[in-house]
Amino acid sequence: MDTITLEKQDNRVVISIDENYLSQSTINKLIDRLKWEHLIERADFDESIDELGEQIKANWWAENREHILGHING
């Protein structure tokens, strides 16, 4: 048996994972991620959300760069 298999049944996709392949914690994280992906798709964000995310990251880095690099070099 393969470690991960996909099977289509009517309007469903069934994912089977060998229980020895991934921990239960990892499987739970995977399911949570799938739920988040579904919610993001339903929200139908436009490209401006990506621009906002990049701006937030740039601002965070500008504010925290010296602190982070000080710990690395320090």
PDB file of N, CA and C in Angstrom:
ATOM      1  N   MET A   1       0.839  -1.181   0.000  1.00  0.00           N
ATOM      2  CA  MET A   1       0.000   0.000   0.000  1.00  0.00           C
ATOM      3  C   MET A   1       0.881   1.241   0.000  1.00  0.00           C
ATOM      4  N   ASP A   2       0.483   2.249  -0.765  1.00  0.00           N
ATOM      5  CA  ASP A   2       1.201   3.518  -0.777  1.00  0.00           C
ATOM      6  C   ASP A   2       0.974   4.244   0.543  1.00  0.00           C
ATOM      7  N   THR A   3       1.893   5.123   0.885  1.00  0.00           N
ATOM      8  CA  THR A   3       1.766   5.850   2.146  1.00  0.00           C
ATOM      9  C   THR A   3       0.628   6.859   2.114  1.00  0.00           C
ATOM     10  N   ILE A   4       0.398   7.457   0.940  1.00  0.00           N
ATOM     11  CA  ILE A   4      -0.718   8.388   0.773  1.00  0.00           C
ATOM     12  C   ILE A   4      -1.424   8.043  -0.534  1.00  0.00           C
ATOM     13  N   THR A   5      -2.741   7.883  -0.470  1.00  0.00           N
ATOM     14  CA  THR A   5      -3.511   7.599  -1.682  1.00  0.00           C
ATOM     15  C   THR A   5      -4.704   8.542  -1.761  1.00  0.00           C
ATOM     16  N   LEU A   6      -5.112   8.842  -2.977  1.00  0.00           N
ATOM     17  CA  LEU A   6      -6.292   9.655  -3.244  1.00  0.00           C
ATOM     18  C   LEU A   6      -7.287   8.821  -4.014  1.00  0.00           C
ATOM     19  N   GLU A   7      -8.537   8.948  -3.653  1.00  0.00           N
ATOM     20  CA  GLU A   7      -9.591   8.214  -4.334  1.00  0.00           C
ATOM     21  C   GLU A   7     -10.784   9.137  -4.511  1.00  0.00           C
ATOM     22  N   LYS A   8     -11.322   9.193  -5.714  1.00  0.00           N
ATOM     23  CA  LYS A   8     -12.501  10.019  -5.974  1.00  0.00           C
ATOM     24  C   LYS A   8     -13.745   9.157  -5.846  1.00  0.00           C
ATOM     25  N   GLN A   9     -14.697   9.607  -5.022  1.00  0.00           N
ATOM     26  CA  GLN A   9     -15.967   8.912  -4.826  1.00  0.00           C
ATOM     27  C   GLN A   9     -17.079   9.939  -4.977  1.00  0.00           C
ATOM     28  N   ASP A  10     -17.796   9.869  -6.084  1.00  0.00           N
ATOM     29  CA  ASP A  10     -18.848  10.839  -6.397  1.00  0.00           C
ATOM     30  C   ASP A  10     -18.260  12.244  -6.339  1.00  0.00           C
ATOM     31  N   ASN A  11     -18.766  13.079  -5.431  1.00  0.00           N
ATOM     32  CA  ASN A  11     -18.275  14.459  -5.344  1.00  0.00           C
ATOM     33  C   ASN A  11     -17.275  14.640  -4.200  1.00  0.00           C
ATOM     34  N   ARG A  12     -16.604  13.576  -3.789  1.00  0.00           N
ATOM     35  CA  ARG A  12     -15.661  13.635  -2.675  1.00  0.00           C
ATOM     36  C   ARG A  12     -14.307  13.086  -3.114  1.00  0.00           C
ATOM     37  N   VAL A  13     -13.280  13.604  -2.479  1.00  0.00           N
ATOM     38  CA  VAL A  13     -11.931  13.053  -2.637  1.00  0.00           C
ATOM     39  C   VAL A  13     -11.559  12.479  -1.282  1.00  0.00           C
ATOM     40  N   VAL A  14     -11.220  11.205  -1.271  1.00  0.00           N
ATOM     41  CA  VAL A  14     -10.858  10.514  -0.036  1.00  0.00           C
ATOM     42  C   VAL A  14      -9.337  10.383  -0.006  1.00  0.00           C
ATOM     43  N   ILE A  15      -8.745  10.910   1.048  1.00  0.00           N
ATOM     44  CA  ILE A  15      -7.298  10.833   1.237  1.00  0.00           C
ATOM     45  C   ILE A  15      -7.021   9.785   2.308  1.00  0.00           C
ATOM     46  N   SER A  16      -6.207   8.810   1.963  1.00  0.00           N
ATOM     47  CA  SER A  16      -5.809   7.784   2.932  1.00  0.00           C
ATOM     48  C   SER A  16      -4.330   7.946   3.223  1.00  0.00           C
ATOM     49  N   ILE A  17      -3.988   7.939   4.510  1.00  0.00           N
ATOM     50  CA  ILE A  17      -2.605   8.105   4.931  1.00  0.00           C
ATOM     51  C   ILE A  17      -2.254   6.956   5.859  1.00  0.00           C
ATOM     52  N   ASP A  18      -1.162   6.279   5.545  1.00  0.00           N
ATOM     53  CA  ASP A  18      -0.679   5.205   6.417  1.00  0.00           C
ATOM     54  C   ASP A  18      -0.445   5.803   7.800  1.00  0.00           C
ATOM     55  N   GLU A  19      -1.006   5.174   8.824  1.00  0.00           N
ATOM     56  CA  GLU A  19      -0.930   5.749  10.174  1.00  0.00           C
ATOM     57  C   GLU A  19       0.504   5.823  10.706  1.00  0.00           C
ATOM     58  N   ASN A  20       1.422   5.100  10.098  1.00  0.00           N
ATOM     59  CA  ASN A  20       2.817   5.154  10.509  1.00  0.00           C
ATOM     60  C   ASN A  20       3.614   6.220   9.749  1.00  0.00           C
ATOM     61  N   TYR A  21       2.981   6.863   8.772  1.00  0.00           N
ATOM     62  CA  TYR A  21       3.677   7.828   7.915  1.00  0.00           C
ATOM     63  C   TYR A  21       3.743   9.211   8.554  1.00  0.00           C
ATOM     64  N   LEU A  22       2.645   9.668   9.157  1.00  0.00           N
ATOM     65  CA  LEU A  22       2.574  10.985   9.785  1.00  0.00           C
ATOM     66  C   LEU A  22       2.023  10.852  11.194  1.00  0.00           C
ATOM     67  N   SER A  23       2.481  11.713  12.076  1.00  0.00           N
ATOM     68  CA  SER A  23       1.950  11.706  13.438  1.00  0.00           C
ATOM     69  C   SER A  23       0.539  12.293  13.432  1.00  0.00           C
ATOM     70  N   GLN A  24      -0.215  11.990  14.460  1.00  0.00           N
ATOM     71  CA  GLN A  24      -1.573  12.536  14.568  1.00  0.00           C
ATOM     72  C   GLN A  24      -1.533  14.056  14.617  1.00  0.00           C
ATOM     73  N   SER A  25      -0.531  14.602  15.283  1.00  0.00           N
ATOM     74  CA  SER A  25      -0.372  16.054  15.358  1.00  0.00           C
ATOM     75  C   SER A  25      -0.185  16.664  13.966  1.00  0.00           C
ATOM     76  N   THR A  26       0.634  16.040  13.145  1.00  0.00           N
ATOM     77  CA  THR A  26       0.864  16.522  11.791  1.00  0.00           C
ATOM     78  C   THR A  26      -0.394  16.413  10.945  1.00  0.00           C
ATOM     79  N   ILE A  27      -1.125  15.350  11.100  1.00  0.00           N
ATOM     80  CA  ILE A  27      -2.387  15.181  10.371  1.00  0.00           C
ATOM     81  C   ILE A  27      -3.379  16.265  10.784  1.00  0.00           C
ATOM     82  N   ASN A  28      -3.459  16.552  12.082  1.00  0.00           N
ATOM     83  CA  ASN A  28      -4.349  17.617  12.559  1.00  0.00           C
ATOM     84  C   ASN A  28      -3.962  18.972  11.970  1.00  0.00           C
ATOM     85  N   LYS A  29      -2.660  19.242  11.898  1.00  0.00           N
ATOM     86  CA  LYS A  29      -2.191  20.498  11.298  1.00  0.00           C
ATOM     87  C   LYS A  29      -2.553  20.557   9.819  1.00  0.00           C
ATOM     88  N   LEU A  30      -2.431  19.428   9.137  1.00  0.00           N
ATOM     89  CA  LEU A  30      -2.782  19.354   7.718  1.00  0.00           C
ATOM     90  C   LEU A  30      -4.268  19.643   7.517  1.00  0.00           C
ATOM     91  N   ILE A  31      -5.104  19.075   8.345  1.00  0.00           N
ATOM     92  CA  ILE A  31      -6.547  19.313   8.248  1.00  0.00           C
ATOM     93  C   ILE A  31      -6.869  20.771   8.535  1.00  0.00           C
ATOM     94  N   ASP A  32      -6.227  21.337   9.554  1.00  0.00           N
ATOM     95  CA  ASP A  32      -6.423  22.760   9.842  1.00  0.00           C
ATOM     96  C   ASP A  32      -6.019  23.620   8.657  1.00  0.00           C
ATOM     97  N   ARG A  33      -4.900  23.267   8.025  1.00  0.00           N
ATOM     98  CA  ARG A  33      -4.434  24.021   6.861  1.00  0.00           C
ATOM     99  C   ARG A  33      -5.443  23.948   5.718  1.00  0.00           C
ATOM    100  N   LEU A  34      -6.016  22.779   5.495  1.00  0.00           N
ATOM    101  CA  LEU A  34      -7.033  22.631   4.455  1.00  0.00           C
ATOM    102  C   LEU A  34      -8.251  23.496   4.749  1.00  0.00           C
ATOM    103  N   LYS A  35      -8.645  23.551   6.012  1.00  0.00           N
ATOM    104  CA  LYS A  35      -9.778  24.406   6.406  1.00  0.00           C
ATOM    105  C   LYS A  35      -9.469  25.873   6.132  1.00  0.00           C
ATOM    106  N   TRP A  36      -8.246  26.317   6.487  1.00  0.00           N
ATOM    107  CA  TRP A  36      -7.848  27.704   6.235  1.00  0.00           C
ATOM    108  C   TRP A  36      -7.830  27.999   4.736  1.00  0.00           C
ATOM    109  N   GLU A  37      -7.294  27.082   3.946  1.00  0.00           N
ATOM    110  CA  GLU A  37      -7.255  27.281   2.491  1.00  0.00           C
ATOM    111  C   GLU A  37      -8.672  27.449   1.941  1.00  0.00           C
ATOM    112  N   HIS A  38      -9.594  26.646   2.446  1.00  0.00           N
ATOM    113  CA  HIS A  38     -10.990  26.750   2.012  1.00  0.00           C
ATOM    114  C   HIS A  38     -11.563  28.127   2.356  1.00  0.00           C
ATOM    115  N   LEU A  39     -11.324  28.595   3.568  1.00  0.00           N
ATOM    116  CA  LEU A  39     -11.840  29.906   3.982  1.00  0.00           C
ATOM    117  C   LEU A  39     -11.225  31.038   3.166  1.00  0.00           C
ATOM    118  N   ILE A  40      -9.934  30.922   2.862  1.00  0.00           N
ATOM    119  CA  ILE A  40      -9.267  31.946   2.059  1.00  0.00           C
ATOM    120  C   ILE A  40      -9.854  31.992   0.656  1.00  0.00           C
ATOM    121  N   GLU A  41     -10.102  30.828   0.065  1.00  0.00           N
ATOM    122  CA  GLU A  41     -10.707  30.784  -1.268  1.00  0.00           C
ATOM    123  C   GLU A  41     -12.092  31.413  -1.262  1.00  0.00           C
ATOM    124  N   ARG A  42     -12.866  31.140  -0.233  1.00  0.00           N
ATOM    125  CA  ARG A  42     -14.222  31.696  -0.144  1.00  0.00           C
ATOM    126  C   ARG A  42     -14.202  33.206   0.058  1.00  0.00           C
ATOM    127  N   ALA A  43     -13.165  33.731   0.704  1.00  0.00           N
ATOM    128  CA  ALA A  43     -13.089  35.165   0.970  1.00  0.00           C
ATOM    129  C   ALA A  43     -12.875  35.957  -0.315  1.00  0.00           C
ATOM    130  N   ASP A  44     -12.299  35.350  -1.342  1.00  0.00           N
ATOM    131  CA  ASP A  44     -12.113  35.963  -2.659  1.00  0.00           C
ATOM    132  C   ASP A  44     -11.386  37.305  -2.570  1.00  0.00           C
ATOM    133  N   PHE A  45     -10.203  37.290  -1.927  1.00  0.00           N
ATOM    134  CA  PHE A  45      -9.393  38.498  -1.824  1.00  0.00           C
ATOM    135  C   PHE A  45      -8.836  38.862  -3.186  1.00  0.00           C
ATOM    136  N   ASP A  46      -8.655  40.163  -3.418  1.00  0.00           N
ATOM    137  CA  ASP A  46      -8.000  40.585  -4.651  1.00  0.00           C
ATOM    138  C   ASP A  46      -6.502  40.776  -4.388  1.00  0.00           C
ATOM    139  N   GLU A  47      -5.760  41.239  -5.404  1.00  0.00           N
ATOM    140  CA  GLU A  47      -4.310  41.361  -5.285  1.00  0.00           C
ATOM    141  C   GLU A  47      -3.883  42.348  -4.209  1.00  0.00           C
ATOM    142  N   SER A  48      -4.743  43.269  -3.820  1.00  0.00           N
ATOM    143  CA  SER A  48      -4.359  44.270  -2.829  1.00  0.00           C
ATOM    144  C   SER A  48      -4.021  43.637  -1.482  1.00  0.00           C
ATOM    145  N   ILE A  49      -4.575  42.465  -1.206  1.00  0.00           N
ATOM    146  CA  ILE A  49      -4.260  41.791   0.053  1.00  0.00           C
ATOM    147  C   ILE A  49      -2.796  41.349   0.071  1.00  0.00           C
ATOM    148  N   ASP A  50      -2.265  40.944  -1.084  1.00  0.00           N
ATOM    149  CA  ASP A  50      -0.846  40.587  -1.163  1.00  0.00           C
ATOM    150  C   ASP A  50       0.026  41.816  -0.931  1.00  0.00           C
ATOM    151  N   GLU A  51      -0.372  42.937  -1.516  1.00  0.00           N
ATOM    152  CA  GLU A  51       0.377  44.177  -1.332  1.00  0.00           C
ATOM    153  C   GLU A  51       0.373  44.588   0.141  1.00  0.00           C
ATOM    154  N   LEU A  52      -0.761  44.467   0.796  1.00  0.00           N
ATOM    155  CA  LEU A  52      -0.858  44.800   2.209  1.00  0.00           C
ATOM    156  C   LEU A  52       0.048  43.892   3.038  1.00  0.00           C
ATOM    157  N   GLY A  53       0.051  42.604   2.725  1.00  0.00           N
ATOM    158  CA  GLY A  53       0.913  41.663   3.430  1.00  0.00           C
ATOM    159  C   GLY A  53       2.382  42.016   3.272  1.00  0.00           C
ATOM    160  N   GLU A  54       2.789  42.367   2.062  1.00  0.00           N
ATOM    161  CA  GLU A  54       4.181  42.748   1.820  1.00  0.00           C
ATOM    162  C   GLU A  54       4.531  44.023   2.587  1.00  0.00           C
ATOM    163  N   GLN A  55       3.596  44.956   2.638  1.00  0.00           N
ATOM    164  CA  GLN A  55       3.832  46.206   3.374  1.00  0.00           C
ATOM    165  C   GLN A  55       3.976  45.927   4.877  1.00  0.00           C
ATOM    166  N   ILE A  56       3.133  45.063   5.407  1.00  0.00           N
ATOM    167  CA  ILE A  56       3.209  44.704   6.824  1.00  0.00           C
ATOM    168  C   ILE A  56       4.551  44.047   7.136  1.00  0.00           C
ATOM    169  N   LYS A  57       4.989  43.116   6.281  1.00  0.00           N
ATOM    170  CA  LYS A  57       6.276  42.450   6.501  1.00  0.00           C
ATOM    171  C   LYS A  57       7.435  43.436   6.419  1.00  0.00           C
ATOM    172  N   ALA A  58       7.382  44.347   5.435  1.00  0.00           N
ATOM    173  CA  ALA A  58       8.458  45.334   5.290  1.00  0.00           C
ATOM    174  C   ALA A  58       8.521  46.249   6.509  1.00  0.00           C
ATOM    175  N   ASN A  59       7.359  46.674   6.998  1.00  0.00           N
ATOM    176  CA  ASN A  59       7.324  47.529   8.188  1.00  0.00           C
ATOM    177  C   ASN A  59       7.852  46.780   9.405  1.00  0.00           C
ATOM    178  N   TRP A  60       7.462  45.526   9.558  1.00  0.00           N
ATOM    179  CA  TRP A  60       7.931  44.738  10.694  1.00  0.00           C
ATOM    180  C   TRP A  60       9.445  44.595  10.641  1.00  0.00           C
ATOM    181  N   TRP A  61       9.976  44.290   9.456  1.00  0.00           N
ATOM    182  CA  TRP A  61      11.416  44.104   9.317  1.00  0.00           C
ATOM    183  C   TRP A  61      12.144  45.415   9.620  1.00  0.00           C
ATOM    184  N   ALA A  62      11.621  46.542   9.136  1.00  0.00           N
ATOM    185  CA  ALA A  62      12.256  47.831   9.406  1.00  0.00           C
ATOM    186  C   ALA A  62      12.306  48.111  10.904  1.00  0.00           C
ATOM    187  N   GLU A  63      11.270  47.725  11.624  1.00  0.00           N
ATOM    188  CA  GLU A  63      11.211  47.967  13.064  1.00  0.00           C
ATOM    189  C   GLU A  63      12.032  46.961  13.873  1.00  0.00           C
ATOM    190  N   ASN A  64      12.248  45.768  13.364  1.00  0.00           N
ATOM    191  CA  ASN A  64      12.876  44.704  14.153  1.00  0.00           C
ATOM    192  C   ASN A  64      14.232  44.240  13.644  1.00  0.00           C
ATOM    193  N   ARG A  65      14.668  44.779  12.533  1.00  0.00           N
ATOM    194  CA  ARG A  65      15.907  44.317  11.900  1.00  0.00           C
ATOM    195  C   ARG A  65      17.103  44.376  12.849  1.00  0.00           C
ATOM    196  N   GLU A  66      17.330  45.527  13.463  1.00  0.00           N
ATOM    197  CA  GLU A  66      18.493  45.688  14.336  1.00  0.00           C
ATOM    198  C   GLU A  66      18.439  44.707  15.501  1.00  0.00           C
ATOM    199  N   HIS A  67      17.271  44.509  16.073  1.00  0.00           N
ATOM    200  CA  HIS A  67      17.115  43.586  17.193  1.00  0.00           C
ATOM    201  C   HIS A  67      17.440  42.155  16.767  1.00  0.00           C
ATOM    202  N   ILE A  68      16.884  41.730  15.629  1.00  0.00           N
ATOM    203  CA  ILE A  68      17.105  40.362  15.145  1.00  0.00           C
ATOM    204  C   ILE A  68      18.568  40.153  14.769  1.00  0.00           C
ATOM    205  N   LEU A  69      19.131  41.068  13.974  1.00  0.00           N
ATOM    206  CA  LEU A  69      20.502  40.909  13.541  1.00  0.00           C
ATOM    207  C   LEU A  69      21.484  41.037  14.707  1.00  0.00           C
ATOM    208  N   GLY A  70      21.126  41.818  15.707  1.00  0.00           N
ATOM    209  CA  GLY A  70      21.965  41.937  16.894  1.00  0.00           C
ATOM    210  C   GLY A  70      22.086  40.615  17.630  1.00  0.00           C
ATOM    211  N   HIS A  71      20.999  39.847  17.673  1.00  0.00           N
ATOM    212  CA  HIS A  71      21.029  38.527  18.321  1.00  0.00           C
ATOM    213  C   HIS A  71      21.840  37.525  17.508  1.00  0.00           C
ATOM    214  N   ILE A  72      21.772  37.632  16.201  1.00  0.00           N
ATOM    215  CA  ILE A  72      22.492  36.698  15.332  1.00  0.00           C
ATOM    216  C   ILE A  72      23.990  36.983  15.383  1.00  0.00           C
ATOM    217  N   ASN A  73      24.338  38.254  15.290  1.00  0.00           N
ATOM    218  CA  ASN A  73      25.748  38.643  15.255  1.00  0.00           C
ATOM    219  C   ASN A  73      26.376  38.761  16.637  1.00  0.00           C
ATOM    220  N   GLY A  74      25.535  38.750  17.645  1.00  0.00           N
ATOM    221  CA  GLY A  74      25.951  39.027  18.867  1.00  0.00           C
ATOM    222  C   GLY A  74      26.482  38.624  20.020  1.00  0.00           C
TER     223      GLY A  74
END
